[in-house]
Amino acid sequence: MSYVLNEERDNLIIKYLPLVKKIAGRIDVKGSEYDQDDLFSIGVIGLMDAIEKFDQSKNVPFEAYANLRIRGSIIDEVRRGGRVSRDKIDKLNQYYNAKESLENKLLRTPEEWEICKELGIDQKQLSKIHETVHFLSTISLESIIFSSDDKDIHLMDTVKDLNTKTPEEEIIYIEQRKLLSEAISKLDKRERIILNLYYNEELSLKEIAYILGISIPRVSQIHGKILLKLKENLKPKLEE
């Protein structure tokens, strides 16, 4: 498809515009210089790039390839705009360090107010950390849950082949999905609903907020909080 005719290219662009809109709508731009129209336009550029570079011989479905290119183009542009600053990443790492320090001291999982006290922050500032986790997860749930550090590096950034995994990678993937499924089963009902609506039903934050009768920022914060909880619940298993 690298040398598609202009008419064929235009038809493909029109066909996959809903996919661009769907992907752009799922990326949180709160506090960013970009609005949803900007992200949609960037996503269209990613779609056009996918059409030009798609190689049918790789046996990868075009929609899967386009999804990655569209999402990647939007995320790259938002990152360049400083949406997730070094300061936000540092605060997230400070959160993890404070939580681990308190766990060692208290021999139990610390409460949120105890973490706030340790960091010298209030609940509002903690909610900002939850929002950072939510935003980082827009690329890949696994990149947040299973990352060994919390730098601005994601699994999607290192994908070399969309179609195949080595036997070792396949084993790790299957085991991670199993552990994640077990951890999700231990969440409360509302937390499971939010994960299902966001990852399985692929609803936007706005749609989830409407369904649950809460604000969009609150959905973002709860989602980030859920991911932190999942990572904490999985930590003992991953260290075995």
Protein backbone atom coordinates (compact mmCIF):
# COMPACT_ATOMS: atom_id res chain seq x y z
CA MET A 1 0.00 0.00 0.00
CA SER A 2 3.08 2.18 -0.07
CA TYR A 3 2.24 3.41 -3.56
CA VAL A 4 -1.50 3.82 -3.34
CA LEU A 5 -3.26 5.98 -5.88
CA ASN A 6 -4.51 9.34 -4.70
CA GLU A 7 -8.15 8.25 -5.02
CA GLU A 8 -7.53 5.06 -3.04
CA ARG A 9 -5.61 7.01 -0.40
CA ASP A 10 -8.41 9.55 -0.06
CA ASN A 11 -10.97 6.75 0.34
CA LEU A 12 -8.87 5.12 3.05
CA ILE A 13 -8.49 8.43 4.89
CA ILE A 14 -12.27 8.94 4.86
CA LYS A 15 -12.88 5.34 5.94
CA TYR A 16 -10.56 5.58 8.95
CA LEU A 17 -11.40 9.10 10.14
CA PRO A 18 -13.71 7.61 12.83
CA LEU A 19 -10.70 5.63 14.12
CA VAL A 20 -8.68 8.85 14.36
CA LYS A 21 -11.50 10.57 16.22
CA LYS A 22 -11.84 7.63 18.61
CA ILE A 23 -8.12 7.55 19.42
CA ALA A 24 -7.85 11.33 19.82
CA GLY A 25 -10.89 11.36 22.09
CA ARG A 26 -9.25 8.90 24.47
CA ILE A 27 -6.18 11.04 25.07
CA ASP A 28 -6.42 13.43 28.00
CA VAL A 29 -5.26 16.93 27.04
CA LYS A 30 -6.17 18.68 30.30
CA GLY A 31 -3.61 21.37 30.93
CA SER A 32 -2.13 20.99 27.46
CA GLU A 33 -1.73 23.55 24.71
CA TYR A 34 -3.63 21.15 22.44
CA ASP A 35 -7.39 20.69 22.23
CA GLN A 36 -9.28 17.74 20.73
CA ASP A 37 -9.41 19.35 17.28
CA ASP A 38 -5.61 19.69 17.33
CA LEU A 39 -5.20 16.05 18.31
CA PHE A 40 -7.60 14.96 15.59
CA SER A 41 -5.58 16.89 12.97
CA ILE A 42 -2.34 15.34 14.24
CA GLY A 43 -3.97 11.92 14.16
CA VAL A 44 -4.99 12.41 10.52
CA ILE A 45 -1.34 13.06 9.68
CA GLY A 46 -0.50 9.82 11.48
CA LEU A 47 -3.17 8.02 9.44
CA MET A 48 -1.75 9.39 6.18
CA ASP A 49 1.71 8.26 7.27
CA ALA A 50 0.32 4.78 8.00
CA ILE A 51 -1.25 4.59 4.53
CA GLU A 52 2.02 5.57 2.88
CA LYS A 53 4.21 3.18 4.90
CA PHE A 54 1.94 0.16 5.31
CA ASP A 55 3.50 -3.05 3.99
CA GLN A 56 0.99 -5.82 3.23
CA SER A 57 3.77 -8.43 3.11
CA LYS A 58 4.14 -8.16 6.90
CA ASN A 59 0.72 -9.80 7.36
CA VAL A 60 -0.33 -7.18 9.90
CA PRO A 61 -3.94 -5.91 9.73
CA PHE A 62 -3.95 -2.35 8.42
CA GLU A 63 -6.25 -1.12 11.20
CA ALA A 64 -3.85 -2.41 13.87
CA TYR A 65 -0.93 -0.72 12.12
CA ALA A 66 -2.86 2.52 11.61
CA ASN A 67 -3.95 2.50 15.26
CA LEU A 68 -0.33 2.41 16.36
CA ARG A 69 0.79 5.13 13.93
CA ILE A 70 -2.12 7.43 14.79
CA ARG A 71 -1.69 6.99 18.53
CA GLY A 72 2.08 7.36 18.23
CA SER A 73 1.87 10.58 16.24
CA ILE A 74 -0.50 12.14 18.77
CA ILE A 75 1.47 11.03 21.82
CA ASP A 76 4.76 12.20 20.31
CA GLU A 77 3.31 15.63 19.58
CA VAL A 78 1.76 15.98 23.03
CA ARG A 79 5.03 14.95 24.64
CA ARG A 80 6.88 17.55 22.60
CA GLY A 81 4.37 20.04 23.97
CA GLY A 82 5.48 19.15 27.47
CA ARG A 83 2.23 17.53 28.63
CA VAL A 84 4.15 15.15 30.90
CA SER A 85 6.99 17.25 32.21
CA ARG A 86 10.10 16.01 33.93
CA ASP A 87 8.71 17.58 37.09
CA LYS A 88 5.57 15.41 36.90
CA ILE A 89 7.65 12.28 36.41
CA ASP A 90 9.86 13.27 39.36
CA LYS A 91 6.79 13.73 41.57
CA LEU A 92 5.51 10.31 40.55
CA ASN A 93 8.85 8.74 41.45
CA GLN A 94 8.82 10.59 44.78
CA TYR A 95 5.40 9.10 45.44
CA TYR A 96 6.69 5.57 44.84
CA ASN A 97 9.75 6.19 47.02
CA ALA A 98 7.64 7.60 49.87
CA LYS A 99 5.21 4.70 49.64
CA GLU A 100 8.01 2.13 49.74
CA SER A 101 9.68 3.89 52.68
CA LEU A 102 6.42 3.90 54.65
CA GLU A 103 5.77 0.25 53.85
CA ASN A 104 9.16 -0.69 55.25
CA LYS A 105 8.58 1.43 58.34
CA LEU A 106 4.94 0.50 59.03
CA LEU A 107 5.08 -3.09 57.70
CA ARG A 108 1.77 -2.50 55.90
CA THR A 109 0.35 -0.57 52.97
CA PRO A 110 0.21 3.10 53.99
CA GLU A 111 -2.97 5.14 53.77
CA GLU A 112 -3.14 8.04 51.32
CA TRP A 113 -3.06 10.62 54.12
CA GLU A 114 0.14 9.04 55.42
CA ILE A 115 1.76 9.29 51.99
CA CYS A 116 0.67 12.91 51.73
CA LYS A 117 2.18 13.63 55.14
CA GLU A 118 5.44 11.90 54.18
CA LEU A 119 5.68 13.95 50.97
CA GLY A 120 4.40 17.18 52.53
CA ILE A 121 1.58 17.48 50.01
CA ASP A 122 -2.20 17.74 50.20
CA GLN A 123 -4.93 15.57 48.63
CA LYS A 124 -5.24 17.90 45.64
CA GLN A 125 -1.54 17.48 44.84
CA LEU A 126 -1.88 13.72 45.22
CA SER A 127 -4.74 13.80 42.71
CA LYS A 128 -2.37 15.47 40.24
CA ILE A 129 -0.04 12.49 40.62
CA HIS A 130 -2.98 10.19 39.87
CA GLU A 131 -3.69 12.24 36.73
CA THR A 132 -0.07 11.81 35.62
CA VAL A 133 -0.41 8.03 35.94
CA HIS A 134 -3.65 8.17 33.95
CA PHE A 135 -2.02 10.13 31.13
CA LEU A 136 1.02 7.86 30.92
CA SER A 137 -1.32 4.89 30.58
CA THR A 138 -2.90 6.23 27.38
CA ILE A 139 -0.26 4.37 25.41
CA SER A 140 -0.34 1.02 27.13
CA LEU A 141 -1.77 -0.35 30.36
CA GLU A 142 1.09 -2.84 30.57
CA SER A 143 3.71 -0.09 30.25
CA ILE A 144 2.49 1.42 33.51
CA ILE A 145 1.66 -1.74 35.43
CA PHE A 146 4.80 -3.71 34.56
CA SER A 147 7.43 -0.97 34.16
CA SER A 148 10.50 -1.41 36.33
CA ASP A 149 11.08 2.31 36.70
CA ASP A 150 8.69 5.15 35.96
CA LYS A 151 10.53 7.11 33.36
CA ASP A 152 8.84 8.32 30.23
CA ILE A 153 9.45 5.03 28.39
CA HIS A 154 6.72 2.70 27.18
CA LEU A 155 6.38 -0.72 25.62
CA MET A 156 4.80 0.80 22.52
CA ASP A 157 7.94 2.87 21.98
CA THR A 158 10.03 -0.27 21.54
CA VAL A 159 7.74 -2.39 19.37
CA LYS A 160 9.76 -3.78 16.45
CA ASP A 161 7.25 -6.21 14.97
CA LEU A 162 3.49 -5.84 15.31
CA ASN A 163 2.77 -9.39 14.27
CA THR A 164 5.18 -11.74 16.04
CA LYS A 165 6.66 -12.32 19.49
CA THR A 166 9.59 -14.49 20.45
CA PRO A 167 8.65 -17.58 22.51
CA GLU A 168 10.09 -15.87 25.60
CA GLU A 169 8.06 -12.71 24.97
CA GLU A 170 4.91 -14.77 24.45
CA ILE A 171 5.40 -16.58 27.77
CA ILE A 172 5.98 -13.29 29.60
CA TYR A 173 2.94 -11.73 27.92
CA ILE A 174 0.66 -14.62 28.89
CA GLU A 175 1.92 -14.60 32.48
CA GLN A 176 1.48 -10.83 32.76
CA ARG A 177 -2.10 -11.04 31.49
CA LYS A 178 -2.85 -13.78 34.01
CA LEU A 179 -1.41 -11.78 36.92
CA LEU A 180 -3.21 -8.64 35.78
CA SER A 181 -6.53 -10.49 35.52
CA GLU A 182 -6.11 -11.81 39.07
CA ALA A 183 -5.27 -8.34 40.38
CA ILE A 184 -8.27 -6.76 38.63
CA SER A 185 -10.60 -9.35 40.20
CA LYS A 186 -9.60 -8.01 43.62
CA LEU A 187 -10.66 -4.43 42.84
CA ASP A 188 -13.99 -3.09 44.04
CA LYS A 189 -16.99 -2.98 41.71
CA ARG A 190 -16.67 0.67 40.60
CA GLU A 191 -12.97 0.26 39.88
CA ARG A 192 -13.65 -2.79 37.71
CA ILE A 193 -16.42 -0.91 35.91
CA ILE A 194 -14.10 1.98 35.08
CA LEU A 195 -11.40 -0.34 33.74
CA ASN A 196 -13.96 -2.22 31.65
CA LEU A 197 -15.47 0.95 30.20
CA TYR A 198 -12.05 2.44 29.42
CA TYR A 199 -10.13 -0.56 28.09
CA ASN A 200 -12.79 -3.00 26.84
CA GLU A 201 -15.62 -0.69 25.77
CA GLU A 202 -13.06 1.99 24.83
CA LEU A 203 -15.21 4.85 26.06
CA SER A 204 -13.80 8.33 26.49
CA LEU A 205 -13.36 9.98 29.89
CA LYS A 206 -16.34 12.19 29.07
CA GLU A 207 -18.56 9.19 28.36
CA ILE A 208 -17.44 7.39 31.53
CA ALA A 209 -18.00 10.53 33.59
CA TYR A 210 -21.55 10.79 32.22
CA ILE A 211 -22.31 7.14 33.00
CA LEU A 212 -20.97 7.36 36.56
CA GLY A 213 -22.32 10.84 37.25
CA ILE A 214 -18.93 12.32 38.18
CA SER A 215 -16.59 14.90 36.65
CA ILE A 216 -14.07 14.13 33.91
CA PRO A 217 -11.06 15.09 36.12
CA ARG A 218 -12.44 12.77 38.80
CA VAL A 219 -12.53 9.85 36.34
CA SER A 220 -8.92 10.63 35.39
CA GLN A 221 -7.86 10.69 39.04
CA ILE A 222 -9.69 7.46 39.91
CA HIS A 223 -8.20 5.72 36.87
CA GLY A 224 -4.69 6.76 37.88
CA LYS A 225 -5.36 5.62 41.43
CA ILE A 226 -6.57 2.22 40.16
CA LEU A 227 -3.38 1.74 38.16
CA LEU A 228 -1.25 2.54 41.21
CA LYS A 229 -3.27 0.03 43.21
CA LEU A 230 -2.85 -2.65 40.54
CA LYS A 231 0.88 -2.06 40.38
CA GLU A 232 1.12 -2.31 44.17
CA ASN A 233 -0.93 -5.53 44.22
CA LEU A 234 1.24 -7.05 41.50
CA LYS A 235 4.56 -6.06 43.04
CA PRO A 236 4.95 -9.15 45.30
CA LYS A 237 4.13 -11.47 42.39
CA LEU A 238 6.61 -9.79 40.07
CA GLU A 239 9.37 -10.04 42.67
CA GLU A 240 8.91 -13.79 43.11
